[in-house]
């Protein structure tokens, strides 16, 4: 049922109710910022994928008497997975984000140990263990992000931390903008007396771009019906500018009627701009 001069909020809701979801497309993850997820993203593995040191220092296995001296078993490289376990009283050098050996009770930061030959002496034991456990951030099988989520730089970091190279996003809507009026010409053409440059079209085009759409602007001085029907075949939405009043030079309503699309609302309660119409399919 068409609404006649509804409040602006009702007109907006009537328009929103007509919107259908767009199709999805696959996109490289690094090109997806500010796009909208088309499907839930499920964690394919734990993050972290293994027990990690939270800082540079020494992984140690405590003794029952909490001795402060530990024998260094090995100094691990950043990408080295240990093939040994620590026994009580032993230590291994570790780096931030690197593996900690089995048997590790706590990681002592580098600044709190003294290296003496092949052993270390601990000056201060930490209050926490300084270990990031496997799956501490995200468990395998959990939802990383829901469909409909706007992809942020932070989410890009999470997705790439899982090695996700491609994701499905909603394709960008195509929005055609048609500026009406015999006196209106594109802004990049030379004026003649009685003409004016189109600024509303570029304005709306910029707004569409900011919101993630793909705009196209056409200024129609002749054959607007032909142009409109062409735009309707190519775009998801067509926005016309001008020609909505009741003057002899106003042709917006006749143009909309020619589309045979279902009327959504006729005008709405706002000034300026109350002469606005909407049709949808």
Protein backbone atom coordinates (compact mmCIF):
# COMPACT_ATOMS: atom_id res chain seq x y z
CA UNK A 1 0.00 0.00 0.00
CA UNK A 2 1.39 3.37 -1.00
CA UNK A 3 1.94 5.91 1.77
CA UNK A 4 0.88 9.50 1.11
CA UNK A 5 2.94 12.18 2.80
CA UNK A 6 4.07 9.99 5.72
CA UNK A 7 6.53 11.19 8.38
CA UNK A 8 10.10 10.92 7.12
CA UNK A 9 10.86 8.00 9.48
CA UNK A 10 7.90 6.01 8.08
CA UNK A 11 8.94 6.79 4.50
CA UNK A 12 12.47 5.61 5.27
CA UNK A 13 11.23 2.38 6.84
CA UNK A 14 8.93 1.72 3.86
CA UNK A 15 11.94 2.09 1.59
CA UNK A 16 14.13 -0.15 3.78
CA UNK A 17 11.39 -2.82 3.74
CA UNK A 18 11.69 -2.95 -0.04
CA UNK A 19 15.42 -3.63 -0.02
CA UNK A 20 16.47 -7.15 -0.97
CA UNK A 21 19.86 -8.64 -0.01
CA UNK A 22 22.47 -8.44 -2.73
CA UNK A 23 24.49 -11.39 -3.99
CA UNK A 24 27.85 -12.26 -2.50
CA UNK A 25 31.23 -12.36 -4.16
CA UNK A 26 34.63 -13.78 -3.27
CA UNK A 27 37.28 -11.19 -2.51
CA UNK A 28 40.93 -11.33 -1.44
CA UNK A 29 41.06 -10.65 2.28
CA UNK A 30 43.35 -7.65 1.89
CA UNK A 31 40.79 -5.97 -0.40
CA UNK A 32 37.84 -6.52 1.92
CA UNK A 33 38.20 -3.68 4.45
CA UNK A 34 34.92 -1.76 4.92
CA UNK A 35 33.01 -4.46 3.01
CA UNK A 36 30.23 -6.54 4.59
CA UNK A 37 30.62 -10.22 5.37
CA UNK A 38 28.23 -12.47 3.45
CA UNK A 39 28.70 -15.51 5.70
CA UNK A 40 29.91 -16.37 9.20
CA UNK A 41 33.66 -16.90 9.52
CA UNK A 42 34.52 -20.01 11.53
CA UNK A 43 37.94 -20.42 13.12
CA UNK A 44 39.74 -23.26 11.29
CA UNK A 45 42.19 -23.81 14.16
CA UNK A 46 43.14 -22.56 17.61
CA UNK A 47 44.71 -19.15 18.07
CA UNK A 48 47.39 -19.21 19.34
CA UNK A 49 47.99 -22.59 17.67
CA UNK A 50 50.38 -23.68 20.45
CA UNK A 51 51.59 -22.56 23.91
CA UNK A 52 53.53 -19.35 23.44
CA UNK A 53 55.85 -17.24 25.49
CA UNK A 54 54.29 -13.87 26.23
CA UNK A 55 57.71 -12.20 26.44
CA UNK A 56 61.40 -12.74 25.86
CA UNK A 57 63.08 -14.62 28.70
CA UNK A 58 63.42 -18.13 30.08
CA UNK A 59 60.86 -20.90 30.38
CA UNK A 60 61.50 -22.77 33.62
CA UNK A 61 60.23 -25.86 35.36
CA UNK A 62 59.93 -25.15 39.07
CA UNK A 63 61.24 -27.39 41.79
CA UNK A 64 59.24 -28.25 44.89
CA UNK A 65 61.47 -25.98 46.94
CA UNK A 66 61.23 -23.18 44.33
CA UNK A 67 64.97 -22.93 43.86
CA UNK A 68 66.14 -19.76 42.12
CA UNK A 69 68.89 -21.45 40.10
CA UNK A 70 68.08 -23.33 36.87
CA UNK A 71 70.24 -25.19 34.37
CA UNK A 72 69.90 -23.92 30.80
CA UNK A 73 68.90 -26.82 28.57
CA UNK A 74 68.71 -24.86 25.29
CA UNK A 75 68.16 -21.40 23.85
CA UNK A 76 65.27 -21.67 21.37
CA UNK A 77 65.11 -19.69 18.12
CA UNK A 78 61.94 -17.75 17.19
CA UNK A 79 60.67 -20.42 14.77
CA UNK A 80 62.00 -23.47 16.62
CA UNK A 81 59.63 -26.10 18.02
CA UNK A 82 61.28 -27.82 21.02
CA UNK A 83 61.82 -31.56 20.79
CA UNK A 84 62.41 -31.88 24.53
CA UNK A 85 60.64 -31.35 27.84
CA UNK A 86 61.87 -29.43 30.85
CA UNK A 87 62.49 -31.28 34.07
CA UNK A 88 62.27 -29.50 37.44
CA UNK A 89 65.25 -27.18 37.82
CA UNK A 90 65.74 -26.74 34.06
CA UNK A 91 65.25 -23.68 31.83
CA UNK A 92 65.11 -22.85 28.14
CA UNK A 93 65.55 -19.47 26.46
CA UNK A 94 62.35 -18.37 24.66
CA UNK A 95 61.21 -15.42 22.54
CA UNK A 96 57.88 -13.57 22.47
CA UNK A 97 55.37 -15.62 20.47
CA UNK A 98 57.69 -18.61 20.33
CA UNK A 99 57.10 -22.13 21.63
CA UNK A 100 57.53 -23.02 25.29
CA UNK A 101 58.69 -26.58 26.01
CA UNK A 102 56.53 -29.19 27.70
CA UNK A 103 57.02 -29.06 31.45
CA UNK A 104 57.21 -25.24 31.56
CA UNK A 105 55.57 -23.74 34.62
CA UNK A 106 56.39 -20.09 34.07
CA UNK A 107 58.29 -17.75 31.75
CA UNK A 108 60.69 -15.40 33.53
CA UNK A 109 61.32 -12.16 31.68
CA UNK A 110 64.85 -11.53 30.50
CA UNK A 111 65.32 -8.58 32.87
CA UNK A 112 64.67 -10.72 35.96
CA UNK A 113 67.40 -13.31 35.44
CA UNK A 114 71.17 -13.41 35.65
CA UNK A 115 73.02 -15.77 33.34
CA UNK A 116 75.97 -17.47 34.98
CA UNK A 117 77.69 -19.94 32.67
CA UNK A 118 75.19 -22.62 31.68
CA UNK A 119 72.60 -21.66 34.30
CA UNK A 120 70.39 -18.75 35.32
CA UNK A 121 69.55 -17.25 38.67
CA UNK A 122 66.07 -15.72 39.03
CA UNK A 123 65.87 -12.42 40.87
CA UNK A 124 62.05 -12.11 40.83
CA UNK A 125 59.39 -14.72 40.08
CA UNK A 126 56.38 -13.26 38.19
CA UNK A 127 52.88 -13.15 39.64
CA UNK A 128 51.48 -14.65 36.40
CA UNK A 129 52.97 -17.41 34.23
CA UNK A 130 53.58 -15.22 31.14
CA UNK A 131 52.31 -18.02 28.88
CA UNK A 132 49.66 -17.72 26.18
CA UNK A 133 47.87 -21.06 26.10
CA UNK A 134 46.74 -22.76 22.90
CA UNK A 135 43.32 -21.40 21.86
CA UNK A 136 43.44 -18.67 24.50
CA UNK A 137 42.32 -16.01 22.01
CA UNK A 138 40.05 -18.04 19.72
CA UNK A 139 39.09 -21.71 19.86
CA UNK A 140 38.90 -23.85 16.72
CA UNK A 141 35.30 -24.01 15.48
CA UNK A 142 34.18 -20.80 17.16
CA UNK A 143 32.65 -17.90 15.22
CA UNK A 144 35.21 -15.22 14.41
CA UNK A 145 32.70 -12.83 12.83
CA UNK A 146 29.02 -13.00 11.89
CA UNK A 147 27.44 -12.46 8.50
CA UNK A 148 26.59 -8.77 8.12
CA UNK A 149 29.68 -7.58 10.00
CA UNK A 150 31.49 -4.59 8.53
CA UNK A 151 35.10 -5.64 7.99
CA UNK A 152 37.51 -3.46 9.97
CA UNK A 153 41.33 -3.35 9.95
CA UNK A 154 41.23 -5.24 13.25
CA UNK A 155 39.16 -8.03 11.70
CA UNK A 156 41.55 -8.13 8.73
CA UNK A 157 44.35 -8.79 11.23
CA UNK A 158 42.42 -11.70 12.77
CA UNK A 159 41.50 -13.23 9.41
CA UNK A 160 45.07 -13.08 8.15
CA UNK A 161 46.31 -14.53 11.45
CA UNK A 162 44.38 -17.65 10.40
CA UNK A 163 45.84 -17.50 6.89
CA UNK A 164 42.45 -16.79 5.30
CA UNK A 165 43.31 -15.47 1.84
CA UNK A 166 39.79 -15.03 0.48
CA UNK A 167 36.38 -14.35 2.03
CA UNK A 168 32.83 -13.87 0.78
CA UNK A 169 31.38 -10.38 1.01
CA UNK A 170 28.19 -8.68 -0.16
CA UNK A 171 28.80 -7.11 -3.54
CA UNK A 172 28.75 -3.33 -3.65
CA UNK A 173 25.37 -1.86 -4.72
CA UNK A 174 25.23 -0.02 -8.02
CA UNK A 175 23.49 3.33 -7.59
CA UNK A 176 22.56 5.35 -10.69
CA UNK A 177 21.92 9.07 -10.22
CA UNK A 178 19.87 10.98 -12.79
CA UNK A 179 19.83 14.79 -12.64
CA UNK A 180 16.78 16.24 -14.41
CA UNK A 181 16.25 19.70 -15.87
CA UNK A 182 16.81 21.29 -19.24
CA UNK A 183 18.95 23.96 -17.61
CA UNK A 184 21.25 21.51 -15.78
CA UNK A 185 24.53 20.45 -17.41
CA UNK A 186 27.48 18.35 -16.17
CA UNK A 187 29.90 20.32 -14.01
CA UNK A 188 32.76 19.73 -16.43
CA UNK A 189 31.07 21.41 -19.41
CA UNK A 190 31.08 25.11 -20.31
CA UNK A 191 28.04 27.13 -19.29
CA UNK A 192 25.86 29.12 -21.65
CA UNK A 193 23.34 31.75 -20.46
CA UNK A 194 20.49 30.20 -18.48
CA UNK A 195 22.35 27.02 -17.61
CA UNK A 196 23.67 25.77 -14.28
CA UNK A 197 26.21 23.14 -13.34
CA UNK A 198 25.02 19.94 -11.68
CA UNK A 199 26.29 19.82 -8.09
CA UNK A 200 23.61 17.60 -6.54
CA UNK A 201 24.65 14.62 -8.66
CA UNK A 202 28.30 14.77 -7.58
CA UNK A 203 27.15 15.34 -3.99
CA UNK A 204 25.01 12.20 -3.94
CA UNK A 205 27.70 10.28 -5.81
CA UNK A 206 30.22 11.13 -3.09
CA UNK A 207 27.79 10.04 -0.37
CA UNK A 208 27.21 6.73 -2.15
CA UNK A 209 30.97 6.18 -2.42
CA UNK A 210 31.48 6.90 1.30
CA UNK A 211 28.82 4.30 2.12
CA UNK A 212 30.50 1.68 -0.06
CA UNK A 213 28.32 1.86 -3.18
CA UNK A 214 29.28 2.19 -6.85
CA UNK A 215 27.71 5.40 -8.16
CA UNK A 216 27.18 6.66 -11.69
CA UNK A 217 25.88 10.12 -12.55
CA UNK A 218 23.98 11.16 -15.67
CA UNK A 219 22.65 14.64 -16.42
CA UNK A 220 19.60 14.43 -18.67
CA UNK A 221 18.63 17.38 -20.84
CA UNK A 222 16.71 15.20 -23.27
CA UNK A 223 15.26 11.66 -23.43
CA UNK A 224 15.17 11.18 -19.63
CA UNK A 225 12.72 8.27 -19.92
CA UNK A 226 15.11 6.33 -22.14
CA UNK A 227 18.02 7.05 -19.81
CA UNK A 228 16.00 6.07 -16.73
CA UNK A 229 14.94 2.73 -18.18
CA UNK A 230 18.56 2.02 -19.15
CA UNK A 231 19.71 2.80 -15.61
CA UNK A 232 17.03 0.54 -14.14
CA UNK A 233 18.44 -2.35 -16.18
CA UNK A 234 21.96 -1.79 -14.92
CA UNK A 235 21.67 -0.49 -11.36
CA UNK A 236 20.27 -1.74 -8.06
CA UNK A 237 18.85 1.70 -7.26
CA UNK A 238 18.14 4.82 -9.28
CA UNK A 239 17.94 8.23 -7.63
CA UNK A 240 16.48 11.08 -9.65
CA UNK A 241 17.12 14.73 -8.78
CA UNK A 242 14.66 17.50 -9.57
CA UNK A 243 11.39 17.60 -11.45
CA UNK A 244 9.22 16.48 -8.54
CA UNK A 245 7.08 19.61 -8.06
CA UNK A 246 3.90 20.40 -10.00
CA UNK A 247 5.29 22.90 -12.51
CA UNK A 248 5.04 22.57 -16.28
CA UNK A 249 8.75 21.75 -16.46
CA UNK A 250 8.61 19.02 -13.81
CA UNK A 251 8.66 15.50 -15.23
CA UNK A 252 9.86 13.39 -12.33
CA UNK A 253 6.50 11.87 -11.44
CA UNK A 254 5.70 10.97 -15.05
CA UNK A 255 9.11 9.31 -15.28
CA UNK A 256 8.46 7.20 -12.21
CA UNK A 257 4.99 6.29 -13.44
CA UNK A 258 6.53 5.08 -16.71
CA UNK A 259 8.53 2.43 -14.83
CA UNK A 260 5.34 0.64 -13.72
CA UNK A 261 7.09 -0.13 -10.44
CA UNK A 262 5.05 -0.43 -7.25
CA UNK A 263 4.52 2.93 -5.48
CA UNK A 264 6.09 3.04 -2.01
CA UNK A 265 5.37 6.60 -0.89
CA UNK A 266 4.23 9.88 -2.41
CA UNK A 267 5.95 12.79 -0.70
CA UNK A 268 6.85 12.90 2.99
CA UNK A 269 6.71 15.36 5.84
CA UNK A 270 9.95 17.30 5.65
CA UNK A 271 10.98 20.68 4.32
CA UNK A 272 12.78 21.31 2.10
CA UNK A 273 12.40 18.18 0.02
CA UNK A 274 8.79 17.16 0.65
CA UNK A 275 8.25 16.56 -3.09
CA UNK A 276 9.91 13.14 -3.06
CA UNK A 277 8.48 9.95 -4.48
CA UNK A 278 9.56 6.36 -4.35
CA UNK A 279 8.71 3.27 -6.34
CA UNK A 280 10.13 -0.21 -5.88
CA UNK A 281 10.06 -3.66 -7.39
